[in-house]
Amino acid sequence: MGYIVYGILALILGLLWWQNGSLKDELKEQHSINLLVTKANEKWQDEIEKLNLEFSKGLESLSELKSKKEVERVYVKEVSSNTNSCIDAINGVYERLWHQRGDNNTSASSSAKDTKAAISAK
C-alpha cells in the first residue's frame, strides 16, 4: 500500500514539474508579446505627440489668419468710412496689399503707383 501512495505522489510531482515547464514557456511567449506591444505603444505615443504638435501649429496659423483678416476688415472699413468714393476705398485696399507684399519688385511697385494715380485722376 505504501508503494501505491509513493507512486501517486511521484505521478503528481511529475505532472507538476511538466506543467511548470510549459508555464515557463508560456511566460516567455507572453513576455516577448508584451515587449512588442510596449514598443508599438511607444510608437503610437510618438505619433500622437507629433499630431498634437501639428494640430497646435495649425490652430496657431488659423488664429494668425483670423487676426490678419480682422485687421484687413478694420482697415477697409476705416478707408471706406473716411472717404467719399468707392474708388478711394479700392485704392486704399490696393495700397495696403502692396505694402503687405513688401515691394520686392520695384517695377511692379512703380506701375501700381502709376495705375493708382491714373485711377485717382479719373
Protein backbone atom coordinates (compact mmCIF):
# COMPACT_ATOMS: atom_id res chain seq x y z
CA MET A 1 0.00 0.00 0.00
CA GLY A 2 2.91 2.32 0.70
CA TYR A 3 4.23 1.87 -2.82
CA ILE A 4 0.91 2.96 -4.28
CA VAL A 5 0.95 6.18 -2.23
CA TYR A 6 4.54 6.86 -3.25
CA GLY A 7 3.66 6.09 -6.86
CA ILE A 8 0.71 8.53 -6.79
CA LEU A 9 2.89 11.22 -5.15
CA ALA A 10 5.59 10.64 -7.78
CA LEU A 11 2.97 10.93 -10.55
CA ILE A 12 1.61 14.18 -9.06
CA LEU A 13 5.14 15.62 -8.74
CA GLY A 14 5.90 14.60 -12.35
CA LEU A 15 2.74 16.30 -13.61
CA LEU A 16 3.54 19.46 -11.62
CA TRP A 17 7.10 19.51 -12.97
CA TRP A 18 5.85 19.05 -16.57
CA GLN A 19 3.21 21.79 -16.13
CA ASN A 20 5.83 24.09 -14.60
CA GLY A 21 7.95 23.75 -17.76
CA SER A 22 5.02 24.53 -20.07
CA LEU A 23 4.06 27.51 -17.91
CA LYS A 24 7.63 28.83 -18.17
CA ASP A 25 7.40 28.58 -21.97
CA GLU A 26 4.08 30.44 -21.97
CA LEU A 27 5.57 33.08 -19.70
CA LYS A 28 8.46 33.61 -22.14
CA GLU A 29 5.99 33.98 -25.03
CA GLN A 30 3.89 36.45 -23.08
CA HIS A 31 7.00 38.42 -22.16
CA SER A 32 8.04 38.71 -25.83
CA ILE A 33 4.48 39.74 -26.80
CA ASN A 34 4.46 42.35 -24.03
CA LEU A 35 7.75 43.80 -25.33
CA LEU A 36 6.30 44.08 -28.83
CA VAL A 37 3.14 45.73 -27.53
CA THR A 38 5.19 48.16 -25.42
CA LYS A 39 7.25 49.19 -28.46
CA ALA A 40 4.09 49.62 -30.52
CA ASN A 41 2.54 51.77 -27.79
CA GLU A 42 5.65 53.95 -27.65
CA LYS A 43 5.49 54.45 -31.43
CA TRP A 44 1.82 55.39 -31.18
CA GLN A 45 2.58 57.84 -28.40
CA ASP A 46 5.28 59.46 -30.54
CA GLU A 47 2.88 59.73 -33.46
CA ILE A 48 0.17 61.21 -31.25
CA GLU A 49 2.62 63.77 -29.89
CA LYS A 50 3.60 64.72 -33.45
CA LEU A 51 -0.05 65.06 -34.42
CA ASN A 52 -0.78 67.18 -31.35
CA LEU A 53 2.16 69.44 -32.22
CA GLU A 54 0.99 69.79 -35.82
CA PHE A 55 -2.56 70.42 -34.65
CA SER A 56 -1.43 73.17 -32.29
CA LYS A 57 0.65 74.73 -35.09
CA GLY A 58 -2.41 74.58 -37.33
CA LEU A 59 -4.52 76.28 -34.68
CA GLU A 60 -1.89 79.00 -34.31
CA SER A 61 -1.83 79.50 -38.08
CA LEU A 62 -5.61 79.74 -38.19
CA SER A 63 -5.56 82.22 -35.33
CA GLU A 64 -2.97 84.33 -37.15
CA LEU A 65 -5.01 84.22 -40.36
CA LYS A 66 -8.13 85.22 -38.47
CA SER A 67 -6.37 88.15 -36.81
CA LYS A 68 -4.93 89.27 -40.17
CA LYS A 69 -8.38 89.12 -41.74
CA GLU A 70 -9.80 91.12 -38.85
CA VAL A 71 -7.08 93.77 -39.32
CA GLU A 72 -7.85 93.94 -43.04
CA ARG A 73 -11.57 94.23 -42.38
CA VAL A 74 -10.99 97.03 -39.93
CA TYR A 75 -8.63 98.76 -42.38
CA VAL A 76 -11.13 98.51 -45.24
CA LYS A 77 -13.94 99.75 -43.00
CA GLU A 78 -11.81 102.70 -41.92
CA VAL A 79 -10.86 103.53 -45.51
CA SER A 80 -14.40 103.20 -46.78
CA SER A 81 -15.90 105.19 -43.91
CA ASN A 82 -13.32 108.00 -44.12
CA THR A 83 -13.62 108.57 -47.88
CA ASN A 84 -16.42 109.70 -50.09
CA SER A 85 -15.97 107.42 -53.08
CA CYS A 86 -15.64 103.73 -53.79
CA ILE A 87 -12.54 104.33 -55.93
CA ASP A 88 -10.72 105.81 -52.95
CA ALA A 89 -11.61 102.73 -50.89
CA ILE A 90 -10.35 100.40 -53.63
CA ASN A 91 -7.14 102.43 -53.96
CA GLY A 92 -6.66 102.14 -50.21
CA VAL A 93 -7.06 98.37 -50.38
CA TYR A 94 -4.57 98.11 -53.26
CA GLU A 95 -2.10 100.28 -51.40
CA ARG A 96 -2.42 98.12 -48.33
CA LEU A 97 -1.88 94.96 -50.39
CA TRP A 98 1.26 96.41 -51.99
CA HIS A 99 2.61 97.29 -48.55
CA GLN A 100 1.98 93.73 -47.41
CA ARG A 101 3.74 92.30 -50.42
CA GLY A 102 6.87 94.14 -49.35
CA ASP A 103 7.52 95.96 -52.59
CA ASN A 104 10.15 93.41 -53.66
CA ASN A 105 9.58 94.16 -57.30
CA THR A 106 10.23 97.87 -57.92
CA SER A 107 8.80 97.88 -61.45
CA ALA A 108 5.55 96.38 -60.20
CA SER A 109 5.52 98.90 -57.40
CA SER A 110 6.02 101.83 -59.74
CA SER A 111 3.39 100.53 -62.18
CA ALA A 112 0.96 100.12 -59.30
CA LYS A 113 1.59 103.71 -58.26
CA ASP A 114 1.08 104.83 -61.88
CA THR A 115 -2.19 102.86 -62.01
CA LYS A 116 -3.28 104.38 -58.72
CA ALA A 117 -2.51 107.87 -59.98
CA ALA A 118 -4.39 107.19 -63.23
CA ILE A 119 -7.45 105.92 -61.37
CA SER A 120 -7.36 108.85 -58.96
CA ALA A 121 -7.09 111.28 -61.86
CA LYS A 122 -10.29 109.97 -63.39
